[in-house]
């Protein structure tokens, strides 16, 4: 299974990783490790997570990263690809606009 990052997700992940490294001195690698772990899981199980909605007729699934409470929003543009379309922090108190 091929894993893709939408430009938005890539920007959100990079920005959040930078913040995490600067502000989470007790566990600076936790977020990057958890993202990598879930990217591997998505490649093996592309239907991971819970159904969240649809976009352009494709199902969007929400995957909770349990240790950091961050969320990945993913969809399958074709049978061989899973695309991360958004990376979101649970502390925001709202869902992303997709």
C-alpha atoms as a PDB file:
ATOM      1  CA  UNK A   1       0.000   0.000   0.000  1.00  0.00           C
ATOM      2  CA  UNK A   2       1.306   3.415  -0.942  1.00  0.00           C
ATOM      3  CA  UNK A   3       1.082   6.243   1.623  1.00  0.00           C
ATOM      4  CA  UNK A   4       0.790   9.860   0.457  1.00  0.00           C
ATOM      5  CA  UNK A   5       0.737  13.122   2.370  1.00  0.00           C
ATOM      6  CA  UNK A   6      -1.424  15.959   1.122  1.00  0.00           C
ATOM      7  CA  UNK A   7       0.385  19.302   1.168  1.00  0.00           C
ATOM      8  CA  UNK A   8      -1.812  20.506   4.033  1.00  0.00           C
ATOM      9  CA  UNK A   9      -1.031  17.438   6.161  1.00  0.00           C
ATOM     10  CA  UNK A  10       2.677  17.749   5.415  1.00  0.00           C
ATOM     11  CA  UNK A  11       2.704  21.408   6.543  1.00  0.00           C
ATOM     12  CA  UNK A  12       0.694  20.624   9.692  1.00  0.00           C
ATOM     13  CA  UNK A  13       2.959  17.726  10.640  1.00  0.00           C
ATOM     14  CA  UNK A  14       6.158  19.714  10.075  1.00  0.00           C
ATOM     15  CA  UNK A  15       4.875  22.701  12.059  1.00  0.00           C
ATOM     16  CA  UNK A  16       3.688  20.514  14.932  1.00  0.00           C
ATOM     17  CA  UNK A  17       6.892  18.465  15.020  1.00  0.00           C
ATOM     18  CA  UNK A  18       8.939  21.656  15.267  1.00  0.00           C
ATOM     19  CA  UNK A  19       6.772  22.933  18.126  1.00  0.00           C
ATOM     20  CA  UNK A  20       6.890  19.544  19.873  1.00  0.00           C
ATOM     21  CA  UNK A  21      10.689  19.359  19.743  1.00  0.00           C
ATOM     22  CA  UNK A  22      10.979  22.845  21.250  1.00  0.00           C
ATOM     23  CA  UNK A  23       8.321  22.514  23.977  1.00  0.00           C
ATOM     24  CA  UNK A  24       8.244  18.843  24.981  1.00  0.00           C
ATOM     25  CA  UNK A  25      11.729  18.429  26.375  1.00  0.00           C
ATOM     26  CA  UNK A  26      10.689  15.397  28.439  1.00  0.00           C
ATOM     27  CA  UNK A  27       9.772  13.380  25.297  1.00  0.00           C
ATOM     28  CA  UNK A  28      10.990  15.224  22.195  1.00  0.00           C
ATOM     29  CA  UNK A  29      10.763  12.184  19.879  1.00  0.00           C
ATOM     30  CA  UNK A  30       7.356  10.931  21.061  1.00  0.00           C
ATOM     31  CA  UNK A  31       5.328  12.644  18.346  1.00  0.00           C
ATOM     32  CA  UNK A  32       7.606  11.738  15.451  1.00  0.00           C
ATOM     33  CA  UNK A  33       7.796   8.146  16.681  1.00  0.00           C
ATOM     34  CA  UNK A  34       4.016   7.889  16.966  1.00  0.00           C
ATOM     35  CA  UNK A  35       3.433   9.406  13.533  1.00  0.00           C
ATOM     36  CA  UNK A  36       5.902   6.962  11.998  1.00  0.00           C
ATOM     37  CA  UNK A  37       4.263   4.050  13.807  1.00  0.00           C
ATOM     38  CA  UNK A  38       0.823   4.988  12.490  1.00  0.00           C
ATOM     39  CA  UNK A  39       2.087   5.599   8.963  1.00  0.00           C
ATOM     40  CA  UNK A  40       3.359   2.001   9.024  1.00  0.00           C
ATOM     41  CA  UNK A  41       0.023   0.783  10.402  1.00  0.00           C
ATOM     42  CA  UNK A  42      -1.901   2.639   7.686  1.00  0.00           C
ATOM     43  CA  UNK A  43       0.191   0.992   4.977  1.00  0.00           C
ATOM     44  CA  UNK A  44      -0.759  -2.423   6.382  1.00  0.00           C
ATOM     45  CA  UNK A  45      -4.354  -1.579   7.386  1.00  0.00           C
ATOM     46  CA  UNK A  46      -5.634   1.310   5.242  1.00  0.00           C
ATOM     47  CA  UNK A  47      -9.100   1.131   6.837  1.00  0.00           C
ATOM     48  CA  UNK A  48      -7.678   1.914  10.270  1.00  0.00           C
ATOM     49  CA  UNK A  49      -9.630   4.400  12.345  1.00  0.00           C
ATOM     50  CA  UNK A  50     -13.266   5.392  12.435  1.00  0.00           C
ATOM     51  CA  UNK A  51     -15.432   6.689   9.598  1.00  0.00           C
ATOM     52  CA  UNK A  52     -15.613  10.471   9.863  1.00  0.00           C
ATOM     53  CA  UNK A  53     -17.288  11.743   6.682  1.00  0.00           C
ATOM     54  CA  UNK A  54     -16.907  11.922   2.940  1.00  0.00           C
ATOM     55  CA  UNK A  55     -15.145  14.155   0.464  1.00  0.00           C
ATOM     56  CA  UNK A  56     -15.732  13.952  -3.262  1.00  0.00           C
ATOM     57  CA  UNK A  57     -17.525  10.659  -2.741  1.00  0.00           C
ATOM     58  CA  UNK A  58     -14.593   9.091  -0.853  1.00  0.00           C
ATOM     59  CA  UNK A  59     -14.773   8.036   2.780  1.00  0.00           C
ATOM     60  CA  UNK A  60     -12.628   9.961   5.258  1.00  0.00           C
ATOM     61  CA  UNK A  61     -11.431   8.090   8.315  1.00  0.00           C
ATOM     62  CA  UNK A  62     -10.116   9.596  11.539  1.00  0.00           C
ATOM     63  CA  UNK A  63      -7.199   7.880  13.276  1.00  0.00           C
ATOM     64  CA  UNK A  64      -6.410   8.864  16.858  1.00  0.00           C
ATOM     65  CA  UNK A  65      -2.762   8.771  17.923  1.00  0.00           C
ATOM     66  CA  UNK A  66      -3.367   7.675  21.527  1.00  0.00           C
ATOM     67  CA  UNK A  67      -0.168   8.850  23.231  1.00  0.00           C
ATOM     68  CA  UNK A  68      -0.156  12.392  21.816  1.00  0.00           C
ATOM     69  CA  UNK A  69      -3.929  12.790  21.238  1.00  0.00           C
ATOM     70  CA  UNK A  70      -3.287  14.011  17.687  1.00  0.00           C
ATOM     71  CA  UNK A  71      -5.478  12.868  14.790  1.00  0.00           C
ATOM     72  CA  UNK A  72      -4.786  11.817  11.230  1.00  0.00           C
ATOM     73  CA  UNK A  73      -7.572  12.218   8.678  1.00  0.00           C
ATOM     74  CA  UNK A  74      -7.118   9.812   5.808  1.00  0.00           C
ATOM     75  CA  UNK A  75      -8.844   8.756   2.620  1.00  0.00           C
ATOM     76  CA  UNK A  76      -8.241   6.253  -0.153  1.00  0.00           C
ATOM     77  CA  UNK A  77      -8.121   7.949  -3.562  1.00  0.00           C
ATOM     78  CA  UNK A  78      -7.628   4.538  -5.177  1.00  0.00           C
ATOM     79  CA  UNK A  79      -7.444   0.908  -3.960  1.00  0.00           C
ATOM     80  CA  UNK A  80      -3.637   0.956  -3.657  1.00  0.00           C
ATOM     81  CA  UNK A  81      -3.174   4.316  -1.927  1.00  0.00           C
ATOM     82  CA  UNK A  82      -3.970   5.811   1.437  1.00  0.00           C
ATOM     83  CA  UNK A  83      -3.600   9.601   1.665  1.00  0.00           C
ATOM     84  CA  UNK A  84      -3.225  11.585   4.870  1.00  0.00           C
ATOM     85  CA  UNK A  85      -5.228  14.726   4.152  1.00  0.00           C
ATOM     86  CA  UNK A  86      -5.031  16.439   7.538  1.00  0.00           C
ATOM     87  CA  UNK A  87      -3.159  16.279  10.837  1.00  0.00           C
ATOM     88  CA  UNK A  88      -5.062  17.787  13.748  1.00  0.00           C
ATOM     89  CA  UNK A  89      -4.562  18.447  17.445  1.00  0.00           C
ATOM     90  CA  UNK A  90      -7.302  17.336  19.814  1.00  0.00           C
ATOM     91  CA  UNK A  91      -6.729  20.341  22.063  1.00  0.00           C
ATOM     92  CA  UNK A  92      -8.311  22.651  19.484  1.00  0.00           C
ATOM     93  CA  UNK A  93     -11.802  21.697  20.654  1.00  0.00           C
ATOM     94  CA  UNK A  94     -13.192  21.459  17.135  1.00  0.00           C
ATOM     95  CA  UNK A  95     -12.859  19.339  14.042  1.00  0.00           C
ATOM     96  CA  UNK A  96     -10.998  20.459  10.902  1.00  0.00           C
ATOM     97  CA  UNK A  97     -12.742  21.786   7.818  1.00  0.00           C
ATOM     98  CA  UNK A  98     -12.019  19.293   5.074  1.00  0.00           C
END
